[in-house]
Amino acid sequence: MNQPHDNANALQEQTTSLPESILIGIDWAANEHEFCAAMPDGTIIRGAFKQKRSAIDQWIAELSAIAPNAKLDVCIETSTGGLINALMECPQVRIFPVNPLALSNYRKAFAIGGGKN
């Protein structure tokens, strides 16, 4: 029965061929968005960019230049708006919207005093 061994090799081939990803959390606002990005090598990058199409495109280009083949996995506390619309047009971006109520409840579990940071 070599089947379990063959399945293990197939699983290993699948996991080693997954594309790298940059994990990004965005705290959006009307005029400027703050972000925290975990790069494939573990480096953390923090910054901000304006709510202008040119600024969003530049931000995506800068992250993509650091890890050219990586997907940009964006976690954001909304599912609509100008930022989401702009991100949806970028093929390397995968959006993971978070329900604001779920995030609020999660935050309460770790910040009993009610802080949002």
N, C-alpha and C. Protein backbone atom coordinates (compact mmCIF):
# COMPACT_ATOMS: atom_id res chain seq x y z
N MET A 1 0.83 -1.19 0.00
CA MET A 1 0.00 0.00 0.00
C MET A 1 0.87 1.25 0.00
N ASN A 2 1.19 1.71 -1.16
CA ASN A 2 2.01 2.90 -1.29
C ASN A 2 1.17 4.17 -1.42
N GLN A 3 -0.12 4.02 -1.39
CA GLN A 3 -0.98 5.17 -1.61
C GLN A 3 -0.78 6.30 -0.61
N PRO A 4 -0.69 6.07 0.73
CA PRO A 4 -0.48 7.19 1.64
C PRO A 4 0.79 7.96 1.34
N HIS A 5 1.84 7.24 0.96
CA HIS A 5 3.10 7.90 0.64
C HIS A 5 2.94 8.77 -0.60
N ASP A 6 2.22 8.22 -1.60
CA ASP A 6 2.00 8.99 -2.83
C ASP A 6 1.17 10.24 -2.55
N ASN A 7 0.16 10.13 -1.68
CA ASN A 7 -0.65 11.30 -1.32
C ASN A 7 0.18 12.34 -0.59
N ALA A 8 1.10 11.90 0.26
CA ALA A 8 1.97 12.84 0.97
C ALA A 8 2.85 13.59 0.00
N ASN A 9 3.38 12.91 -1.00
CA ASN A 9 4.21 13.58 -2.01
C ASN A 9 3.40 14.58 -2.81
N ALA A 10 2.16 14.20 -3.16
CA ALA A 10 1.29 15.12 -3.91
C ALA A 10 0.98 16.35 -3.08
N LEU A 11 0.70 16.17 -1.78
CA LEU A 11 0.41 17.30 -0.91
C LEU A 11 1.63 18.21 -0.78
N GLN A 12 2.81 17.62 -0.64
CA GLN A 12 4.03 18.41 -0.53
C GLN A 12 4.25 19.22 -1.81
N GLU A 13 4.01 18.62 -2.98
CA GLU A 13 4.18 19.34 -4.24
C GLU A 13 3.21 20.51 -4.32
N GLN A 14 1.97 20.31 -3.85
CA GLN A 14 0.98 21.39 -3.88
C GLN A 14 1.37 22.54 -2.97
N THR A 15 1.83 22.23 -1.76
CA THR A 15 2.14 23.29 -0.82
C THR A 15 3.41 24.03 -1.20
N THR A 16 4.35 23.38 -1.84
CA THR A 16 5.57 24.08 -2.23
C THR A 16 5.37 24.93 -3.46
N SER A 17 4.28 24.69 -4.21
CA SER A 17 4.06 25.48 -5.42
C SER A 17 3.07 26.63 -5.19
N LEU A 18 2.59 26.81 -3.95
CA LEU A 18 1.69 27.92 -3.68
C LEU A 18 2.42 29.24 -3.86
N PRO A 19 1.74 30.24 -4.40
CA PRO A 19 2.41 31.54 -4.56
C PRO A 19 2.63 32.20 -3.20
N GLU A 20 3.71 32.98 -3.12
CA GLU A 20 3.94 33.76 -1.91
C GLU A 20 2.84 34.80 -1.79
N SER A 21 2.63 35.24 -0.57
CA SER A 21 1.66 36.31 -0.41
C SER A 21 2.17 37.32 0.61
N ILE A 22 1.74 38.56 0.40
CA ILE A 22 1.99 39.63 1.34
C ILE A 22 0.67 39.82 2.09
N LEU A 23 0.71 39.64 3.39
CA LEU A 23 -0.50 39.77 4.21
C LEU A 23 -0.63 41.22 4.66
N ILE A 24 -1.74 41.84 4.34
CA ILE A 24 -1.91 43.28 4.56
C ILE A 24 -3.19 43.55 5.34
N GLY A 25 -3.06 44.32 6.39
CA GLY A 25 -4.22 44.83 7.11
C GLY A 25 -4.34 46.32 6.83
N ILE A 26 -5.52 46.77 6.48
CA ILE A 26 -5.72 48.19 6.18
C ILE A 26 -6.75 48.78 7.14
N ASP A 27 -6.37 49.90 7.75
CA ASP A 27 -7.30 50.70 8.54
C ASP A 27 -7.67 51.87 7.64
N TRP A 28 -8.82 51.78 7.01
CA TRP A 28 -9.21 52.78 6.01
C TRP A 28 -9.86 54.00 6.66
N ALA A 29 -9.77 55.09 5.96
CA ALA A 29 -10.39 56.34 6.38
C ALA A 29 -10.81 57.11 5.13
N ALA A 30 -11.42 58.25 5.31
CA ALA A 30 -11.92 59.00 4.16
C ALA A 30 -10.80 59.53 3.26
N ASN A 31 -9.71 60.03 3.87
CA ASN A 31 -8.67 60.67 3.08
C ASN A 31 -7.37 59.90 3.00
N GLU A 32 -7.05 59.14 4.04
CA GLU A 32 -5.76 58.42 4.06
C GLU A 32 -5.95 57.08 4.77
N HIS A 33 -5.30 56.05 4.23
CA HIS A 33 -5.42 54.70 4.77
C HIS A 33 -4.08 54.27 5.37
N GLU A 34 -4.11 53.70 6.55
CA GLU A 34 -2.90 53.16 7.17
C GLU A 34 -2.89 51.66 6.93
N PHE A 35 -1.68 51.11 6.77
CA PHE A 35 -1.57 49.68 6.52
C PHE A 35 -0.41 49.08 7.29
N CYS A 36 -0.49 47.78 7.47
CA CYS A 36 0.60 46.98 8.02
C CYS A 36 0.70 45.76 7.13
N ALA A 37 1.89 45.51 6.59
CA ALA A 37 2.08 44.41 5.65
C ALA A 37 3.17 43.47 6.16
N ALA A 38 2.85 42.19 6.17
CA ALA A 38 3.83 41.15 6.51
C ALA A 38 4.33 40.57 5.20
N MET A 39 5.61 40.82 4.91
CA MET A 39 6.21 40.37 3.67
C MET A 39 6.51 38.87 3.74
N PRO A 40 6.71 38.21 2.59
CA PRO A 40 7.00 36.78 2.59
C PRO A 40 8.21 36.38 3.43
N ASP A 41 9.19 37.27 3.57
CA ASP A 41 10.38 36.95 4.37
C ASP A 41 10.20 37.26 5.85
N GLY A 42 8.99 37.74 6.24
CA GLY A 42 8.71 38.04 7.63
C GLY A 42 8.89 39.50 8.01
N THR A 43 9.43 40.29 7.13
CA THR A 43 9.60 41.72 7.38
C THR A 43 8.22 42.38 7.49
N ILE A 44 8.09 43.31 8.43
CA ILE A 44 6.84 44.05 8.60
C ILE A 44 7.05 45.47 8.08
N ILE A 45 6.14 45.92 7.25
CA ILE A 45 6.17 47.28 6.71
C ILE A 45 4.89 47.98 7.13
N ARG A 46 5.04 49.19 7.66
CA ARG A 46 3.88 50.01 8.03
C ARG A 46 3.95 51.32 7.27
N GLY A 47 2.79 51.86 6.98
CA GLY A 47 2.77 53.13 6.28
C GLY A 47 1.36 53.60 6.04
N ALA A 48 1.24 54.55 5.14
CA ALA A 48 -0.05 55.12 4.80
C ALA A 48 -0.03 55.56 3.35
N PHE A 49 -1.22 55.65 2.77
CA PHE A 49 -1.35 56.15 1.41
C PHE A 49 -2.68 56.89 1.30
N LYS A 50 -2.74 57.84 0.41
CA LYS A 50 -3.91 58.70 0.23
C LYS A 50 -5.02 57.96 -0.53
N GLN A 51 -6.24 58.44 -0.37
CA GLN A 51 -7.39 57.90 -1.08
C GLN A 51 -7.48 58.59 -2.44
N LYS A 52 -6.46 58.35 -3.24
CA LYS A 52 -6.44 58.83 -4.62
C LYS A 52 -6.00 57.65 -5.47
N ARG A 53 -6.57 57.51 -6.65
CA ARG A 53 -6.25 56.36 -7.50
C ARG A 53 -4.76 56.26 -7.77
N SER A 54 -4.11 57.38 -8.02
CA SER A 54 -2.68 57.36 -8.31
C SER A 54 -1.88 56.88 -7.09
N ALA A 55 -2.29 57.27 -5.89
CA ALA A 55 -1.59 56.86 -4.67
C ALA A 55 -1.80 55.37 -4.40
N ILE A 56 -3.01 54.88 -4.65
CA ILE A 56 -3.30 53.46 -4.47
C ILE A 56 -2.47 52.63 -5.45
N ASP A 57 -2.45 53.05 -6.71
CA ASP A 57 -1.67 52.34 -7.72
C ASP A 57 -0.18 52.33 -7.38
N GLN A 58 0.33 53.46 -6.90
CA GLN A 58 1.74 53.55 -6.52
C GLN A 58 2.04 52.62 -5.34
N TRP A 59 1.15 52.58 -4.35
CA TRP A 59 1.32 51.71 -3.19
C TRP A 59 1.37 50.24 -3.61
N ILE A 60 0.46 49.84 -4.48
CA ILE A 60 0.44 48.45 -4.96
C ILE A 60 1.71 48.15 -5.75
N ALA A 61 2.14 49.07 -6.58
CA ALA A 61 3.36 48.87 -7.36
C ALA A 61 4.59 48.72 -6.45
N GLU A 62 4.66 49.52 -5.39
CA GLU A 62 5.79 49.44 -4.46
C GLU A 62 5.83 48.08 -3.76
N LEU A 63 4.68 47.61 -3.27
CA LEU A 63 4.65 46.30 -2.62
C LEU A 63 4.96 45.19 -3.61
N SER A 64 4.42 45.29 -4.81
CA SER A 64 4.67 44.27 -5.83
C SER A 64 6.13 44.23 -6.26
N ALA A 65 6.81 45.36 -6.21
CA ALA A 65 8.22 45.41 -6.58
C ALA A 65 9.10 44.68 -5.56
N ILE A 66 8.67 44.69 -4.30
CA ILE A 66 9.44 44.01 -3.25
C ILE A 66 9.36 42.50 -3.41
N ALA A 67 8.18 42.00 -3.73
CA ALA A 67 7.96 40.56 -3.93
C ALA A 67 7.14 40.40 -5.21
N PRO A 68 7.81 40.39 -6.36
CA PRO A 68 7.11 40.47 -7.66
C PRO A 68 6.05 39.40 -7.93
N ASN A 69 6.25 38.19 -7.44
CA ASN A 69 5.29 37.12 -7.74
C ASN A 69 4.28 36.89 -6.64
N ALA A 70 4.30 37.72 -5.62
CA ALA A 70 3.43 37.52 -4.46
C ALA A 70 2.04 38.07 -4.72
N LYS A 71 1.05 37.40 -4.16
CA LYS A 71 -0.30 37.92 -4.13
C LYS A 71 -0.39 38.91 -2.97
N LEU A 72 -1.21 39.91 -3.10
CA LEU A 72 -1.44 40.87 -2.04
C LEU A 72 -2.77 40.52 -1.37
N ASP A 73 -2.70 39.89 -0.19
CA ASP A 73 -3.88 39.48 0.55
C ASP A 73 -4.27 40.59 1.51
N VAL A 74 -5.33 41.31 1.17
CA VAL A 74 -5.75 42.50 1.91
C VAL A 74 -6.94 42.17 2.80
N CYS A 75 -6.76 42.40 4.09
CA CYS A 75 -7.83 42.26 5.07
C CYS A 75 -8.29 43.67 5.43
N ILE A 76 -9.59 43.92 5.26
CA ILE A 76 -10.09 45.28 5.47
C ILE A 76 -11.49 45.23 6.08
N GLU A 77 -11.78 46.18 6.94
CA GLU A 77 -13.02 46.22 7.70
C GLU A 77 -14.14 46.91 6.91
N THR A 78 -14.39 46.46 5.72
CA THR A 78 -15.48 46.96 4.91
C THR A 78 -15.57 46.11 3.65
N SER A 79 -16.64 46.22 2.93
CA SER A 79 -16.76 45.48 1.68
C SER A 79 -17.15 46.40 0.52
N THR A 80 -17.26 47.70 0.80
CA THR A 80 -17.62 48.65 -0.25
C THR A 80 -16.77 49.91 -0.12
N GLY A 81 -16.81 50.73 -1.13
CA GLY A 81 -16.13 52.01 -1.08
C GLY A 81 -15.08 52.16 -2.17
N GLY A 82 -14.55 53.36 -2.27
CA GLY A 82 -13.58 53.67 -3.31
C GLY A 82 -12.31 52.83 -3.25
N LEU A 83 -11.82 52.59 -2.05
CA LEU A 83 -10.60 51.79 -1.91
C LEU A 83 -10.85 50.36 -2.38
N ILE A 84 -11.96 49.77 -1.97
CA ILE A 84 -12.29 48.40 -2.39
C ILE A 84 -12.43 48.34 -3.90
N ASN A 85 -13.11 49.32 -4.49
CA ASN A 85 -13.28 49.35 -5.94
C ASN A 85 -11.94 49.40 -6.65
N ALA A 86 -11.03 50.21 -6.16
CA ALA A 86 -9.70 50.31 -6.78
C ALA A 86 -8.92 49.00 -6.63
N LEU A 87 -8.99 48.39 -5.45
CA LEU A 87 -8.26 47.14 -5.22
C LEU A 87 -8.81 45.99 -6.06
N MET A 88 -10.12 45.99 -6.29
CA MET A 88 -10.74 44.92 -7.09
C MET A 88 -10.24 44.91 -8.53
N GLU A 89 -9.71 46.02 -9.00
CA GLU A 89 -9.22 46.10 -10.37
C GLU A 89 -7.80 45.57 -10.52
N CYS A 90 -7.15 45.22 -9.43
CA CYS A 90 -5.76 44.76 -9.46
C CYS A 90 -5.73 43.24 -9.38
N PRO A 91 -5.22 42.57 -10.41
CA PRO A 91 -5.26 41.10 -10.44
C PRO A 91 -4.45 40.42 -9.34
N GLN A 92 -3.43 41.08 -8.82
CA GLN A 92 -2.61 40.46 -7.78
C GLN A 92 -3.19 40.63 -6.37
N VAL A 93 -4.30 41.35 -6.25
CA VAL A 93 -4.91 41.61 -4.94
C VAL A 93 -6.06 40.64 -4.69
N ARG A 94 -6.04 40.05 -3.50
CA ARG A 94 -7.16 39.24 -3.01
C ARG A 94 -7.70 39.95 -1.77
N ILE A 95 -9.00 40.26 -1.77
CA ILE A 95 -9.61 41.04 -0.69
C ILE A 95 -10.35 40.10 0.26
N PHE A 96 -10.09 40.31 1.55
CA PHE A 96 -10.75 39.57 2.61
C PHE A 96 -11.49 40.58 3.49
N PRO A 97 -12.77 40.88 3.16
CA PRO A 97 -13.51 41.84 3.96
C PRO A 97 -13.84 41.26 5.34
N VAL A 98 -13.77 42.11 6.35
CA VAL A 98 -14.07 41.71 7.72
C VAL A 98 -15.30 42.47 8.19
N ASN A 99 -16.24 41.75 8.74
CA ASN A 99 -17.44 42.37 9.29
C ASN A 99 -17.03 43.28 10.45
N PRO A 100 -17.42 44.57 10.43
CA PRO A 100 -17.04 45.48 11.51
C PRO A 100 -17.48 45.02 12.89
N LEU A 101 -18.64 44.41 13.00
CA LEU A 101 -19.12 43.92 14.29
C LEU A 101 -18.25 42.76 14.79
N ALA A 102 -17.87 41.88 13.89
CA ALA A 102 -16.99 40.76 14.28
C ALA A 102 -15.65 41.29 14.77
N LEU A 103 -15.12 42.28 14.07
CA LEU A 103 -13.84 42.86 14.48
C LEU A 103 -13.95 43.57 15.82
N SER A 104 -15.06 44.26 16.04
CA SER A 104 -15.29 44.95 17.31
C SER A 104 -15.34 43.95 18.46
N ASN A 105 -16.05 42.85 18.26
CA ASN A 105 -16.13 41.83 19.30
C ASN A 105 -14.78 41.17 19.56
N TYR A 106 -14.01 40.95 18.52
CA TYR A 106 -12.68 40.37 18.66
C TYR A 106 -11.78 41.32 19.46
N ARG A 107 -11.87 42.61 19.13
CA ARG A 107 -11.07 43.62 19.81
C ARG A 107 -11.41 43.66 21.30
N LYS A 108 -12.68 43.54 21.64
CA LYS A 108 -13.11 43.56 23.04
C LYS A 108 -12.50 42.41 23.84
N ALA A 109 -12.26 41.29 23.17
CA ALA A 109 -11.69 40.13 23.86
C ALA A 109 -10.25 40.40 24.31
N PHE A 110 -9.55 41.30 23.63
CA PHE A 110 -8.14 41.56 23.94
C PHE A 110 -7.89 42.93 24.54
N ALA A 111 -8.85 43.83 24.43
CA ALA A 111 -8.68 45.18 24.96
C ALA A 111 -9.89 45.50 25.82
N ILE A 112 -9.88 45.05 27.03
CA ILE A 112 -11.02 45.20 27.92
C ILE A 112 -11.34 46.67 28.15
N GLY A 113 -10.35 47.52 28.10
CA GLY A 113 -10.56 48.95 28.29
C GLY A 113 -11.22 49.63 27.11
N GLY A 114 -11.40 48.91 25.99
CA GLY A 114 -12.08 49.47 24.82
C GLY A 114 -11.18 50.13 23.81
N GLY A 115 -9.84 50.04 23.98
CA GLY A 115 -8.92 50.66 23.02
C GLY A 115 -8.99 50.00 21.66
N LYS A 116 -8.75 50.76 20.61
CA LYS A 116 -8.81 50.24 19.24
C LYS A 116 -7.43 49.97 18.66
N ASN A 117 -6.36 50.29 19.33
CA ASN A 117 -5.02 50.09 18.76
C ASN A 117 -4.52 48.69 19.02
